[in-house]
Amino acid sequence: MVDRRSGIPAFRQVAGDLRDKIAAGEYAPGEQLPSERELVDTYGVSRPTVREAVNMLRSEGLVTSEHGRGVFVRPPALVQERVATTRLSRAAREGDRAAFRADATARGLTPSASVEIRFERADARVAARLAISEGAEVTVRDRVMRADDLAVQLAVSRLPRELTRGTVIEKPETGPGGTYARLEESGHLLRSFTEQVGARMPSPDETSLLQLADGVPVITVTRVAYGTDGTPLEMNDMVLAADRYELSYEWPAD
């Protein structure tokens, strides 16, 4: 039953109790919640109050509704670990274990990607990140990354066209080691990377591509790769399903 004197809206109390029970495993992943009628009787509230409570849990990504069947606890999503200290190493590239491929295979998953190649003019943001003139031509590698056929990451790389013209970087399949290996083969040795990490709610297109449940945010990562002379060689805008990733960082204390 809800506490009418608490000052907390009844639907929030119902949602809070159900949330606690889900967290405690009282309602297991994939299990159906009690029916609307049962929840009305359990908490002593109206049907609209129960619906508001369930909608709150749905918006948080804790439950899903199946038409004609009921409301179910959302199963735990795939967790894809992203180990920042090893995934971009030269050794990983030489062993064809770089970046996303390494993340997926480390979890026993099968990585795959669909790739679209296009060319565009650099806007102000891209020009600043790549240290090129606004309007300069860039090569764009737009990818949907999948683990066991589940889309977990969107990645859009942009490189100055002068670095990619006539190379396999302008083709969907770049070969072992990926784009970075091809850059180094052409004499553009990599020295360092920077990443900026953020979080936000997804756009409708991102929700569709990543098949996100209501209320699930995305992690955003913008990485810039630098050559040995400090010149930016590539920027990569990544969008990760927040319920399918955990980011792992490690660095020395000295």
Foldseek 3Di string as FASTA:
>chain_A
DDDPPPPDDLLVVLLVVVVVCDVVCVAPAFRFDDALVVSCVVSVDDSVSPVSSVVVCQQQVQWDADPPPHIGGHHQAAEFEFEPPPQDDPVCQVVLCHGPNVRQVVVVWDKDKDWDKDKFFADPVRCVLQVHDGGQIWIWIWMFMDTNNQGFKTKIKIFGVVQPPPACLRPNDRDGSPPQVRSVVVPFAWDDKDKDKDKDADDPVVCVSNVDGNNWIWMWMWMWIAGPVRGTGMIMIMIGGVSNYDYHYDDDPD
